[in-house]
């Protein structure tokens, strides 16, 4: 029997995305105002899912939150937006998310992610060169 094949985890390893994840959570994140450098949230492994919430209180003036998978995307045109109190949830394989307020005032956010056992080195570019990512 050959010993030349070594099985390793990677982006195509289906069981890594079918099992329970390691939780990652950060709340009360201060998100910089528009025109600033977007805030980068990094994970040490590839995510199975992410949830981003604009935690700016609903009764405060609107502070739309931009989120994306690359700094260039959030600064440019490849980003999603959340109004005060809104959330976004997706099953994305990412190692970073970027946040920036869409107004002159800072906003606040929380980020929840379920992390797989696949190390971040398996996704070094975080899809940032892909079409539609930025």
Foldseek 3Di string as FASTA:
>chain_A
DDPPDDDDDAPPPVVLLVDFFDKDKDFFAKFAAQPDQWDKDFAQAWFQKKKKFFQAAPPDPWWKKWKAQDRCCSNDPQTDIDTHGDMDMDRDGFGMMTMHTHHNDITTMMMMTGGTPGGCVNPVPRCCVPPSRD
